[in-house]
Amino acid sequence: QVRVAESGGGLVQPGESLRVSCEVSGLSLDTYTIGWFRQAPGKEREGVSCISHSDNMTYYTESMKGRLYISADTTKNTAYLQMSSLKPEDTAVYYCATGVPICSWYRMSVPNGWPYWGQGTQVTVSA
């Protein structure tokens, strides 16, 4: 059984940084990709970043490029998303997903194509 669990969300002020984590059990991040998505109230879920260890590929959404760093520790089967210079418009529930083999723009544009999801972690950016 595959389990995905996010942690590390919270309330930060504009300009601050935050790291969220995603721990996976039941499949190996040596083989499968981790994707981070976010969903703000009233908006569709959007792809933020992904990483695949097998081919060393990463992807970052254009709206946050330069403010994100994604990494994965395959010994812990855990991925991390470091977010910096956060803005109020980054406020959303951040979800982690896995179960696809490739990190790509296409995969990030089709959230429904990811079979395993966590429950999400709230990130709020506010003064």
Foldseek 3Di string as FASTA:
>chain_A
DKAKAKDWADEAAAQAKTKMKIAMPDDFLQFKKKWKWWDDPPGDIATAKMARNVVGDMDGDPVQPPQWDKDADRVRNMIMIMGGSDDQVVWTWMKMFMDHRDDDPVCRHCVVVTDYIHPTDTHGYHD
